[in-house]
Amino acid sequence: MTISFADTMFFFDNFGFYKTDRIAIAILVIVIAVCAVIFSTGGSDDSGIFASDDNTQQKDDASARGGVSVAEGGKGYYYVEGSKTQLFPFDPNTADSTQLLQLGLQPWMVRNIYKYRAAGGVYRKPSDFARLYGLTLKQYKILEPYIRISEDYRPVSEFYSDDTYADSHNAAHSQIPRDSMKYPYKLSPGETVLLNSADTTQLKKIPGIGSAYAKAIVRRREKLGGFYSASQLREIDGFPEEALRYVKVDASAIRKLKINVLTYSQLRQHPYLNYYQARDIIDFRRVHGPLKSISQLEMMDSFTPEDIKAIRHYIEF
């Protein structure tokens, strides 16, 4: 419907307005009507463009710029701007950002690779690259045939046998100075330490023995009065079996128990004497006098053959 200036003037004539007032009001009404028509038409057209052409425009821009757009559920999943995606052999340990972007990786993926490498991370085999955050299984399967890991980043165990590595390792130790307190030298096969006289520094030279086990050996040795066999080290919880071949035992260094002199409390302090055994020794001495042989302990019910075998190395009559 179109409202003319004459119609507006006729409308206001019926209400008794002055002529100048009628003209001003009519012009104002016409201006308001025109503005309303313009805004309503323009708004609907713009919203229609953005609503209907958003996905199409995104795809057209990607194609025009030579980028890559992967569709997921009908929407653009990601877009790599610049050059077309190319597949070529690459080493994830050395590839720069330009190469990684050309492979179709997102900029934030490339940043993650750089952060991983800056933190000391190394891709030692192609499957390590699959841990890249955000990389899909489909993308990895496409890139996997092109991953080339330089030999400099592969595990050294793939190139050297145990003997070769040991030789090179020992040669390096002979040339490079090291902190012997923090990183003690380890014994080679055939070398031993004296179990009943070695201090913790010497004990830590045994392969598999660190500070904790060295201190445990010394504590056990003090309680026993010395070791008569390397097998006694098995009494230490979790002691490594392979360390036994690196110790030598001098049984003459054992501190003996004066069984006829020590009190009940003193006898109880020995790891190989329990409450009942110490009591029976004290009772025997009170009734029969000093013990004279190991056979007298064998007659006591509190001692088993295994107990006798262990304690006989520590008794002095």
C-alpha atoms as a PDB file:
ATOM      1  CA  MET A   1       0.000   0.000   0.000  1.00  0.00           C
ATOM      2  CA  THR A   2       1.405   3.445  -1.049  1.00  0.00           C
ATOM      3  CA  ILE A   3       0.573   6.645   0.878  1.00  0.00           C
ATOM      4  CA  SER A   4       0.727   9.840  -1.237  1.00  0.00           C
ATOM      5  CA  PHE A   5       1.320  13.321   0.020  1.00  0.00           C
ATOM      6  CA  ALA A   6      -2.219  14.400  -1.140  1.00  0.00           C
ATOM      7  CA  ASP A   7      -3.855  11.581   0.826  1.00  0.00           C
ATOM      8  CA  THR A   8      -1.969  12.618   3.932  1.00  0.00           C
ATOM      9  CA  MET A   9      -3.031  16.247   3.546  1.00  0.00           C
ATOM     10  CA  PHE A  10      -6.687  15.237   3.062  1.00  0.00           C
ATOM     11  CA  PHE A  11      -6.522  13.109   6.213  1.00  0.00           C
ATOM     12  CA  PHE A  12      -5.312  15.970   8.381  1.00  0.00           C
ATOM     13  CA  ASP A  13      -7.858  18.478   6.830  1.00  0.00           C
ATOM     14  CA  ASN A  14     -10.666  16.672   8.591  1.00  0.00           C
ATOM     15  CA  PHE A  15      -9.082  17.327  12.039  1.00  0.00           C
ATOM     16  CA  GLY A  16      -8.816  21.156  11.674  1.00  0.00           C
ATOM     17  CA  PHE A  17      -4.983  21.487  11.658  1.00  0.00           C
ATOM     18  CA  TYR A  18      -3.369  24.579  10.202  1.00  0.00           C
ATOM     19  CA  LYS A  19      -1.951  24.196   6.753  1.00  0.00           C
ATOM     20  CA  THR A  20       1.714  24.466   7.820  1.00  0.00           C
ATOM     21  CA  ASP A  21       1.175  21.949  10.615  1.00  0.00           C
ATOM     22  CA  ARG A  22      -0.514  19.543   8.239  1.00  0.00           C
ATOM     23  CA  ILE A  23       2.426  19.780   5.809  1.00  0.00           C
ATOM     24  CA  ALA A  24       5.057  19.115   8.519  1.00  0.00           C
ATOM     25  CA  ILE A  25       3.162  16.179  10.008  1.00  0.00           C
ATOM     26  CA  ALA A  26       2.577  14.649   6.603  1.00  0.00           C
ATOM     27  CA  ILE A  27       6.261  14.841   5.694  1.00  0.00           C
ATOM     28  CA  LEU A  28       7.213  13.248   9.017  1.00  0.00           C
ATOM     29  CA  VAL A  29       4.794  10.363   8.539  1.00  0.00           C
ATOM     30  CA  ILE A  30       6.073   9.699   5.024  1.00  0.00           C
ATOM     31  CA  VAL A  31       9.727   9.714   6.183  1.00  0.00           C
ATOM     32  CA  ILE A  32       8.930   7.244   8.983  1.00  0.00           C
ATOM     33  CA  ALA A  33       7.110   4.925   6.590  1.00  0.00           C
ATOM     34  CA  VAL A  34       9.953   4.966   4.057  1.00  0.00           C
ATOM     35  CA  CYS A  35      12.589   4.222   6.722  1.00  0.00           C
ATOM     36  CA  ALA A  36      10.545   1.320   8.053  1.00  0.00           C
ATOM     37  CA  VAL A  37      10.299  -0.224   4.591  1.00  0.00           C
ATOM     38  CA  ILE A  38      14.050   0.166   3.916  1.00  0.00           C
ATOM     39  CA  PHE A  39      15.195  -1.364   7.233  1.00  0.00           C
ATOM     40  CA  SER A  40      12.798  -4.273   7.075  1.00  0.00           C
ATOM     41  CA  THR A  41      13.841  -5.170   3.534  1.00  0.00           C
ATOM     42  CA  GLY A  42      17.613  -4.796   4.134  1.00  0.00           C
ATOM     43  CA  GLY A  43      17.643  -6.840   7.370  1.00  0.00           C
ATOM     44  CA  SER A  44      15.881  -9.792   5.883  1.00  0.00           C
ATOM     45  CA  ASP A  45      18.170  -9.862   2.868  1.00  0.00           C
ATOM     46  CA  ASP A  46      21.405  -9.810   4.941  1.00  0.00           C
ATOM     47  CA  SER A  47      20.293 -12.499   7.350  1.00  0.00           C
ATOM     48  CA  GLY A  48      19.307 -14.693   4.453  1.00  0.00           C
ATOM     49  CA  ILE A  49      22.758 -14.441   2.901  1.00  0.00           C
ATOM     50  CA  PHE A  50      24.692 -15.354   6.042  1.00  0.00           C
ATOM     51  CA  ALA A  51      22.287 -18.092   7.033  1.00  0.00           C
ATOM     52  CA  SER A  52      22.216 -19.853   3.711  1.00  0.00           C
ATOM     53  CA  ASP A  53      25.665 -19.260   2.265  1.00  0.00           C
ATOM     54  CA  ASP A  54      27.943 -19.625   5.289  1.00  0.00           C
ATOM     55  CA  ASN A  55      29.088 -23.224   4.630  1.00  0.00           C
ATOM     56  CA  THR A  56      29.216 -22.685   0.871  1.00  0.00           C
ATOM     57  CA  GLN A  57      31.290 -19.532   1.231  1.00  0.00           C
ATOM     58  CA  GLN A  58      33.747 -21.319   3.577  1.00  0.00           C
ATOM     59  CA  LYS A  59      34.233 -24.138   1.070  1.00  0.00           C
ATOM     60  CA  ASP A  60      34.670 -21.719  -1.834  1.00  0.00           C
ATOM     61  CA  ASP A  61      37.291 -19.724   0.075  1.00  0.00           C
ATOM     62  CA  ALA A  62      39.185 -22.901   0.951  1.00  0.00           C
ATOM     63  CA  SER A  63      39.208 -24.038  -2.663  1.00  0.00           C
ATOM     64  CA  ALA A  64      40.208 -20.625  -3.975  1.00  0.00           C
ATOM     65  CA  ARG A  65      43.163 -20.353  -1.594  1.00  0.00           C
ATOM     66  CA  GLY A  66      44.414 -23.901  -2.218  1.00  0.00           C
ATOM     67  CA  GLY A  67      43.714 -24.976   1.347  1.00  0.00           C
ATOM     68  CA  VAL A  68      42.411 -28.235   2.758  1.00  0.00           C
ATOM     69  CA  SER A  69      39.016 -28.538   4.390  1.00  0.00           C
ATOM     70  CA  VAL A  70      37.950 -31.822   5.943  1.00  0.00           C
ATOM     71  CA  ALA A  71      34.203 -32.199   6.370  1.00  0.00           C
ATOM     72  CA  GLU A  72      32.763 -33.665   9.536  1.00  0.00           C
ATOM     73  CA  GLY A  73      28.993 -33.814   9.921  1.00  0.00           C
ATOM     74  CA  GLY A  74      28.511 -31.320   7.079  1.00  0.00           C
ATOM     75  CA  LYS A  75      30.635 -28.577   8.722  1.00  0.00           C
ATOM     76  CA  GLY A  76      34.255 -27.500   8.186  1.00  0.00           C
ATOM     77  CA  TYR A  77      36.376 -29.470  10.669  1.00  0.00           C
ATOM     78  CA  TYR A  78      39.697 -27.758   9.994  1.00  0.00           C
ATOM     79  CA  TYR A  79      41.333 -25.632   7.371  1.00  0.00           C
ATOM     80  CA  VAL A  80      44.994 -25.321   6.432  1.00  0.00           C
ATOM     81  CA  GLU A  81      45.626 -22.037   4.696  1.00  0.00           C
ATOM     82  CA  GLY A  82      48.440 -21.435   2.241  1.00  0.00           C
ATOM     83  CA  SER A  83      49.518 -24.320   0.001  1.00  0.00           C
ATOM     84  CA  LYS A  84      47.914 -27.573  -0.977  1.00  0.00           C
ATOM     85  CA  THR A  85      48.465 -30.603   1.236  1.00  0.00           C
ATOM     86  CA  GLN A  86      51.433 -32.669   0.090  1.00  0.00           C
ATOM     87  CA  LEU A  87      52.673 -36.045   1.262  1.00  0.00           C
ATOM     88  CA  PHE A  88      56.426 -36.591   1.384  1.00  0.00           C
ATOM     89  CA  PRO A  89      58.953 -38.414   3.645  1.00  0.00           C
ATOM     90  CA  PHE A  90      59.606 -36.526   6.889  1.00  0.00           C
ATOM     91  CA  ASP A  91      61.304 -37.006  10.252  1.00  0.00           C
ATOM     92  CA  PRO A  92      59.078 -35.695  13.092  1.00  0.00           C
ATOM     93  CA  ASN A  93      62.258 -35.026  15.108  1.00  0.00           C
ATOM     94  CA  THR A  94      63.642 -32.518  12.590  1.00  0.00           C
ATOM     95  CA  ALA A  95      60.781 -31.401  10.308  1.00  0.00           C
ATOM     96  CA  ASP A  96      60.160 -27.647  10.469  1.00  0.00           C
ATOM     97  CA  SER A  97      56.798 -25.913  10.715  1.00  0.00           C
ATOM     98  CA  THR A  98      56.518 -25.311   6.961  1.00  0.00           C
ATOM     99  CA  GLN A  99      56.904 -29.007   6.206  1.00  0.00           C
ATOM    100  CA  LEU A 100      54.497 -30.053   8.948  1.00  0.00           C
ATOM    101  CA  LEU A 101      51.845 -27.617   7.714  1.00  0.00           C
ATOM    102  CA  GLN A 102      52.273 -28.866   4.146  1.00  0.00           C
ATOM    103  CA  LEU A 103      51.502 -32.364   5.426  1.00  0.00           C
ATOM    104  CA  GLY A 104      48.069 -31.092   6.508  1.00  0.00           C
ATOM    105  CA  LEU A 105      48.725 -30.735  10.246  1.00  0.00           C
ATOM    106  CA  GLN A 106      46.987 -27.928  12.087  1.00  0.00           C
ATOM    107  CA  PRO A 107      49.082 -25.021  13.435  1.00  0.00           C
ATOM    108  CA  TRP A 108      48.244 -25.997  17.017  1.00  0.00           C
ATOM    109  CA  MET A 109      49.416 -29.557  16.282  1.00  0.00           C
ATOM    110  CA  VAL A 110      52.704 -28.150  14.991  1.00  0.00           C
ATOM    111  CA  ARG A 111      53.076 -26.089  18.164  1.00  0.00           C
ATOM    112  CA  ASN A 112      52.568 -29.242  20.254  1.00  0.00           C
ATOM    113  CA  ILE A 113      55.310 -31.012  18.285  1.00  0.00           C
ATOM    114  CA  TYR A 114      57.700 -28.116  18.895  1.00  0.00           C
ATOM    115  CA  LYS A 115      56.871 -28.073  22.629  1.00  0.00           C
ATOM    116  CA  TYR A 116      57.423 -31.842  22.867  1.00  0.00           C
ATOM    117  CA  ARG A 117      60.814 -31.581  21.168  1.00  0.00           C
ATOM    118  CA  ALA A 118      61.832 -28.542  23.247  1.00  0.00           C
ATOM    119  CA  ALA A 119      61.097 -30.534  26.427  1.00  0.00           C
ATOM    120  CA  GLY A 120      63.524 -33.262  25.300  1.00  0.00           C
ATOM    121  CA  GLY A 121      60.926 -35.542  23.740  1.00  0.00           C
ATOM    122  CA  VAL A 122      62.097 -37.836  20.936  1.00  0.00           C
ATOM    123  CA  TYR A 123      60.143 -39.877  18.387  1.00  0.00           C
ATOM    124  CA  ARG A 124      62.071 -43.147  18.343  1.00  0.00           C
ATOM    125  CA  LYS A 125      59.681 -45.105  16.135  1.00  0.00           C
ATOM    126  CA  PRO A 126      56.791 -44.150  13.806  1.00  0.00           C
ATOM    127  CA  SER A 127      54.164 -45.283  16.308  1.00  0.00           C
ATOM    128  CA  ASP A 128      55.433 -42.621  18.752  1.00  0.00           C
ATOM    129  CA  PHE A 129      54.047 -39.977  16.393  1.00  0.00           C
ATOM    130  CA  ALA A 130      50.562 -41.440  16.917  1.00  0.00           C
ATOM    131  CA  ARG A 131      50.596 -39.918  20.412  1.00  0.00           C
ATOM    132  CA  LEU A 132      50.311 -36.419  18.904  1.00  0.00           C
ATOM    133  CA  TYR A 133      47.273 -34.847  20.540  1.00  0.00           C
ATOM    134  CA  GLY A 134      44.371 -34.375  18.135  1.00  0.00           C
ATOM    135  CA  LEU A 135      45.757 -36.659  15.431  1.00  0.00           C
ATOM    136  CA  THR A 136      43.044 -38.996  14.170  1.00  0.00           C
ATOM    137  CA  LEU A 137      43.537 -42.630  13.201  1.00  0.00           C
ATOM    138  CA  LYS A 138      42.762 -41.811   9.561  1.00  0.00           C
ATOM    139  CA  GLN A 139      45.357 -39.038   9.492  1.00  0.00           C
ATOM    140  CA  TYR A 140      47.991 -41.246  11.105  1.00  0.00           C
ATOM    141  CA  LYS A 141      47.410 -44.079   8.614  1.00  0.00           C
ATOM    142  CA  ILE A 142      47.914 -41.595   5.778  1.00  0.00           C
ATOM    143  CA  LEU A 143      51.129 -40.171   7.250  1.00  0.00           C
ATOM    144  CA  GLU A 144      52.651 -43.406   8.618  1.00  0.00           C
ATOM    145  CA  PRO A 145      54.241 -44.611   5.332  1.00  0.00           C
ATOM    146  CA  TYR A 146      56.065 -41.286   5.052  1.00  0.00           C
ATOM    147  CA  ILE A 147      57.555 -41.181   8.572  1.00  0.00           C
ATOM    148  CA  ARG A 148      61.330 -41.662   8.551  1.00  0.00           C
ATOM    149  CA  ILE A 149      63.155 -41.799  11.903  1.00  0.00           C
ATOM    150  CA  SER A 150      66.840 -40.914  11.660  1.00  0.00           C
ATOM    151  CA  GLU A 151      69.245 -43.468  13.103  1.00  0.00           C
ATOM    152  CA  ASP A 152      70.482 -40.770  15.481  1.00  0.00           C
ATOM    153  CA  TYR A 153      67.171 -40.995  17.341  1.00  0.00           C
ATOM    154  CA  ARG A 154      66.787 -44.773  17.437  1.00  0.00           C
ATOM    155  CA  PRO A 155      67.621 -46.758  20.632  1.00  0.00           C
ATOM    156  CA  VAL A 156      71.302 -47.605  20.890  1.00  0.00           C
ATOM    157  CA  SER A 157      70.384 -51.180  21.871  1.00  0.00           C
ATOM    158  CA  GLU A 158      69.375 -51.793  18.235  1.00  0.00           C
ATOM    159  CA  PHE A 159      72.943 -51.181  17.055  1.00  0.00           C
ATOM    160  CA  TYR A 160      75.117 -52.692  19.800  1.00  0.00           C
ATOM    161  CA  SER A 161      75.141 -56.074  21.460  1.00  0.00           C
ATOM    162  CA  ASP A 162      75.458 -56.292  25.233  1.00  0.00           C
ATOM    163  CA  ASP A 163      79.206 -57.000  25.044  1.00  0.00           C
ATOM    164  CA  THR A 164      79.901 -54.200  22.561  1.00  0.00           C
ATOM    165  CA  TYR A 165      77.893 -51.727  24.597  1.00  0.00           C
ATOM    166  CA  ALA A 166      79.657 -52.790  27.809  1.00  0.00           C
ATOM    167  CA  ASP A 167      83.064 -52.312  26.170  1.00  0.00           C
ATOM    168  CA  SER A 168      82.191 -48.843  24.886  1.00  0.00           C
ATOM    169  CA  HIS A 169      80.597 -47.965  28.225  1.00  0.00           C
ATOM    170  CA  ASN A 170      83.707 -48.999  30.176  1.00  0.00           C
ATOM    171  CA  ALA A 171      85.974 -47.176  27.725  1.00  0.00           C
ATOM    172  CA  ALA A 172      83.967 -44.012  28.179  1.00  0.00           C
ATOM    173  CA  HIS A 173      84.279 -44.315  31.961  1.00  0.00           C
ATOM    174  CA  SER A 174      88.027 -44.637  31.697  1.00  0.00           C
ATOM    175  CA  GLN A 175      88.265 -41.307  29.839  1.00  0.00           C
ATOM    176  CA  ILE A 176      85.538 -39.143  31.361  1.00  0.00           C
ATOM    177  CA  PRO A 177      85.957 -37.919  34.961  1.00  0.00           C
ATOM    178  CA  ARG A 178      82.964 -38.517  37.190  1.00  0.00           C
ATOM    179  CA  ASP A 179      81.759 -37.916  40.728  1.00  0.00           C
ATOM    180  CA  SER A 180      82.676 -41.185  42.444  1.00  0.00           C
ATOM    181  CA  MET A 181      80.613 -40.292  45.514  1.00  0.00           C
ATOM    182  CA  LYS A 182      77.400 -39.718  43.576  1.00  0.00           C
ATOM    183  CA  TYR A 183      78.049 -42.286  40.818  1.00  0.00           C
ATOM    184  CA  PRO A 184      80.331 -45.006  42.292  1.00  0.00           C
ATOM    185  CA  TYR A 185      82.140 -47.341  39.974  1.00  0.00           C
ATOM    186  CA  LYS A 186      80.643 -50.818  39.814  1.00  0.00           C
ATOM    187  CA  LEU A 187      82.603 -54.040  40.155  1.00  0.00           C
ATOM    188  CA  SER A 188      83.298 -56.127  37.094  1.00  0.00           C
ATOM    189  CA  PRO A 189      82.546 -59.884  37.054  1.00  0.00           C
ATOM    190  CA  GLY A 190      85.148 -61.684  39.193  1.00  0.00           C
ATOM    191  CA  GLU A 191      85.771 -58.733  41.517  1.00  0.00           C
ATOM    192  CA  THR A 192      84.567 -58.921  45.137  1.00  0.00           C
ATOM    193  CA  VAL A 193      84.424 -56.957  48.376  1.00  0.00           C
ATOM    194  CA  LEU A 194      84.964 -58.286  51.915  1.00  0.00           C
ATOM    195  CA  LEU A 195      81.494 -58.508  53.381  1.00  0.00           C
ATOM    196  CA  ASN A 196      82.514 -58.291  57.061  1.00  0.00           C
ATOM    197  CA  SER A 197      84.763 -55.229  56.706  1.00  0.00           C
ATOM    198  CA  ALA A 198      83.491 -53.200  53.723  1.00  0.00           C
ATOM    199  CA  ASP A 199      81.919 -49.814  54.440  1.00  0.00           C
ATOM    200  CA  THR A 200      78.885 -48.426  52.619  1.00  0.00           C
ATOM    201  CA  THR A 201      81.034 -46.754  49.934  1.00  0.00           C
ATOM    202  CA  GLN A 202      82.668 -50.075  49.032  1.00  0.00           C
ATOM    203  CA  LEU A 203      79.365 -51.960  49.214  1.00  0.00           C
ATOM    204  CA  LYS A 204      77.766 -49.544  46.728  1.00  0.00           C
ATOM    205  CA  LYS A 205      80.313 -50.673  44.137  1.00  0.00           C
ATOM    206  CA  ILE A 206      78.437 -53.998  43.975  1.00  0.00           C
ATOM    207  CA  PRO A 207      76.098 -54.027  40.926  1.00  0.00           C
ATOM    208  CA  GLY A 208      72.513 -53.708  42.114  1.00  0.00           C
ATOM    209  CA  ILE A 209      73.484 -52.219  45.492  1.00  0.00           C
ATOM    210  CA  GLY A 210      72.656 -48.603  46.270  1.00  0.00           C
ATOM    211  CA  SER A 211      72.668 -46.546  49.442  1.00  0.00           C
ATOM    212  CA  ALA A 212      69.604 -48.268  50.939  1.00  0.00           C
ATOM    213  CA  TYR A 213      70.930 -51.820  50.560  1.00  0.00           C
ATOM    214  CA  ALA A 214      74.445 -50.806  51.640  1.00  0.00           C
ATOM    215  CA  LYS A 215      73.063 -49.351  54.887  1.00  0.00           C
ATOM    216  CA  ALA A 216      70.857 -52.424  55.406  1.00  0.00           C
ATOM    217  CA  ILE A 217      73.895 -54.720  55.046  1.00  0.00           C
ATOM    218  CA  VAL A 218      75.856 -52.755  57.637  1.00  0.00           C
ATOM    219  CA  ARG A 219      72.927 -52.743  60.091  1.00  0.00           C
ATOM    220  CA  ARG A 220      72.406 -56.488  59.701  1.00  0.00           C
ATOM    221  CA  ARG A 221      76.140 -57.112  60.135  1.00  0.00           C
ATOM    222  CA  GLU A 222      76.215 -55.137  63.380  1.00  0.00           C
ATOM    223  CA  LYS A 223      73.251 -57.048  64.834  1.00  0.00           C
ATOM    224  CA  LEU A 224      74.652 -60.459  63.883  1.00  0.00           C
ATOM    225  CA  GLY A 225      78.260 -59.754  64.730  1.00  0.00           C
ATOM    226  CA  GLY A 226      79.300 -60.469  61.159  1.00  0.00           C
ATOM    227  CA  PHE A 227      78.311 -62.812  58.306  1.00  0.00           C
ATOM    228  CA  TYR A 228      79.458 -66.415  58.031  1.00  0.00           C
ATOM    229  CA  SER A 229      77.904 -66.859  54.538  1.00  0.00           C
ATOM    230  CA  ALA A 230      76.892 -64.593  51.654  1.00  0.00           C
ATOM    231  CA  SER A 231      73.527 -66.396  51.599  1.00  0.00           C
ATOM    232  CA  GLN A 232      72.631 -64.553  54.829  1.00  0.00           C
ATOM    233  CA  LEU A 233      72.105 -61.445  52.719  1.00  0.00           C
ATOM    234  CA  ARG A 234      68.901 -63.069  51.480  1.00  0.00           C
ATOM    235  CA  GLU A 235      67.463 -62.307  54.917  1.00  0.00           C
ATOM    236  CA  ILE A 236      67.366 -58.636  53.844  1.00  0.00           C
ATOM    237  CA  ASP A 237      63.981 -57.971  52.259  1.00  0.00           C
ATOM    238  CA  GLY A 238      64.195 -57.775  48.461  1.00  0.00           C
ATOM    239  CA  PHE A 239      67.953 -58.208  48.298  1.00  0.00           C
ATOM    240  CA  PRO A 240      69.085 -58.720  44.641  1.00  0.00           C
ATOM    241  CA  GLU A 241      70.263 -62.290  44.096  1.00  0.00           C
ATOM    242  CA  GLU A 242      72.821 -61.330  41.437  1.00  0.00           C
ATOM    243  CA  ALA A 243      74.773 -59.256  43.995  1.00  0.00           C
ATOM    244  CA  LEU A 244      75.812 -62.341  45.990  1.00  0.00           C
ATOM    245  CA  ARG A 245      78.622 -63.260  43.606  1.00  0.00           C
ATOM    246  CA  TYR A 246      80.408 -59.978  44.275  1.00  0.00           C
ATOM    247  CA  VAL A 247      81.005 -60.554  48.007  1.00  0.00           C
ATOM    248  CA  LYS A 248      83.606 -62.587  49.869  1.00  0.00           C
ATOM    249  CA  VAL A 249      83.120 -63.718  53.468  1.00  0.00           C
ATOM    250  CA  ASP A 250      85.857 -63.995  56.101  1.00  0.00           C
ATOM    251  CA  ALA A 251      84.176 -65.963  58.901  1.00  0.00           C
ATOM    252  CA  SER A 252      87.111 -65.362  61.231  1.00  0.00           C
ATOM    253  CA  ALA A 253      85.965 -61.753  61.571  1.00  0.00           C
ATOM    254  CA  ILE A 254      82.689 -62.746  63.283  1.00  0.00           C
ATOM    255  CA  ARG A 255      82.130 -61.302  66.763  1.00  0.00           C
ATOM    256  CA  LYS A 256      81.344 -64.232  69.090  1.00  0.00           C
ATOM    257  CA  LEU A 257      78.684 -64.402  71.837  1.00  0.00           C
ATOM    258  CA  LYS A 258      80.006 -65.312  75.282  1.00  0.00           C
ATOM    259  CA  ILE A 259      77.017 -67.519  75.938  1.00  0.00           C
ATOM    260  CA  ASN A 260      77.924 -68.239  79.573  1.00  0.00           C
ATOM    261  CA  VAL A 261      78.428 -64.574  80.464  1.00  0.00           C
ATOM    262  CA  LEU A 262      75.743 -62.579  78.652  1.00  0.00           C
ATOM    263  CA  THR A 263      72.504 -61.669  80.414  1.00  0.00           C
ATOM    264  CA  TYR A 264      69.058 -62.579  79.187  1.00  0.00           C
ATOM    265  CA  SER A 265      68.573 -59.098  77.656  1.00  0.00           C
ATOM    266  CA  GLN A 266      71.919 -59.284  75.877  1.00  0.00           C
ATOM    267  CA  LEU A 267      71.160 -62.728  74.464  1.00  0.00           C
ATOM    268  CA  ARG A 268      67.770 -61.511  73.187  1.00  0.00           C
ATOM    269  CA  GLN A 269      69.421 -58.809  71.103  1.00  0.00           C
ATOM    270  CA  HIS A 270      70.893 -61.348  68.708  1.00  0.00           C
ATOM    271  CA  PRO A 271      68.679 -61.945  65.633  1.00  0.00           C
ATOM    272  CA  TYR A 272      69.131 -65.733  65.857  1.00  0.00           C
ATOM    273  CA  LEU A 273      67.953 -66.072  69.486  1.00  0.00           C
ATOM    274  CA  ASN A 274      64.284 -65.713  70.398  1.00  0.00           C
ATOM    275  CA  TYR A 275      62.578 -65.275  73.774  1.00  0.00           C
ATOM    276  CA  TYR A 276      62.300 -69.000  74.554  1.00  0.00           C
ATOM    277  CA  GLN A 277      65.846 -69.832  73.507  1.00  0.00           C
ATOM    278  CA  ALA A 278      67.382 -67.066  75.633  1.00  0.00           C
ATOM    279  CA  ARG A 279      65.248 -68.169  78.609  1.00  0.00           C
ATOM    280  CA  ASP A 280      66.334 -71.815  78.244  1.00  0.00           C
ATOM    281  CA  ILE A 281      70.018 -70.822  78.146  1.00  0.00           C
ATOM    282  CA  ILE A 282      69.668 -68.779  81.338  1.00  0.00           C
ATOM    283  CA  ASP A 283      67.712 -71.610  83.067  1.00  0.00           C
ATOM    284  CA  PHE A 284      70.303 -74.216  82.020  1.00  0.00           C
ATOM    285  CA  ARG A 285      73.141 -72.087  83.392  1.00  0.00           C
ATOM    286  CA  ARG A 286      71.294 -71.594  86.695  1.00  0.00           C
ATOM    287  CA  VAL A 287      70.548 -75.294  87.131  1.00  0.00           C
ATOM    288  CA  HIS A 288      73.507 -77.048  85.465  1.00  0.00           C
ATOM    289  CA  GLY A 289      76.209 -74.427  85.286  1.00  0.00           C
ATOM    290  CA  PRO A 290      78.003 -73.096  82.195  1.00  0.00           C
ATOM    291  CA  LEU A 291      77.303 -74.660  78.823  1.00  0.00           C
ATOM    292  CA  LYS A 292      80.267 -76.561  77.386  1.00  0.00           C
ATOM    293  CA  SER A 293      79.200 -77.671  73.893  1.00  0.00           C
ATOM    294  CA  ILE A 294      76.684 -77.091  71.139  1.00  0.00           C
ATOM    295  CA  SER A 295      75.166 -80.505  71.897  1.00  0.00           C
ATOM    296  CA  GLN A 296      73.668 -79.114  75.085  1.00  0.00           C
ATOM    297  CA  LEU A 297      71.716 -76.562  73.029  1.00  0.00           C
ATOM    298  CA  GLU A 298      70.546 -79.343  70.716  1.00  0.00           C
ATOM    299  CA  MET A 299      68.846 -81.037  73.668  1.00  0.00           C
ATOM    300  CA  MET A 300      66.686 -77.974  74.346  1.00  0.00           C
ATOM    301  CA  ASP A 301      63.185 -78.137  72.842  1.00  0.00           C
ATOM    302  CA  SER A 302      63.293 -74.476  71.789  1.00  0.00           C
ATOM    303  CA  PHE A 303      66.146 -75.076  69.310  1.00  0.00           C
ATOM    304  CA  THR A 304      65.472 -76.660  65.892  1.00  0.00           C
ATOM    305  CA  PRO A 305      68.238 -78.101  63.694  1.00  0.00           C
ATOM    306  CA  GLU A 306      68.027 -74.970  61.535  1.00  0.00           C
ATOM    307  CA  ASP A 307      68.456 -72.762  64.613  1.00  0.00           C
ATOM    308  CA  ILE A 308      71.511 -74.741  65.697  1.00  0.00           C
ATOM    309  CA  LYS A 309      73.035 -74.491  62.204  1.00  0.00           C
ATOM    310  CA  ALA A 310      72.721 -70.701  62.273  1.00  0.00           C
ATOM    311  CA  ILE A 311      73.685 -69.931  65.880  1.00  0.00           C
ATOM    312  CA  ARG A 312      76.677 -72.276  66.138  1.00  0.00           C
ATOM    313  CA  HIS A 313      78.815 -69.739  64.175  1.00  0.00           C
ATOM    314  CA  TYR A 314      78.250 -67.090  66.857  1.00  0.00           C
ATOM    315  CA  ILE A 315      78.642 -69.023  70.151  1.00  0.00           C
ATOM    316  CA  GLU A 316      81.728 -68.993  72.315  1.00  0.00           C
ATOM    317  CA  PHE A 317      81.790 -71.301  75.372  1.00  0.00           C
END
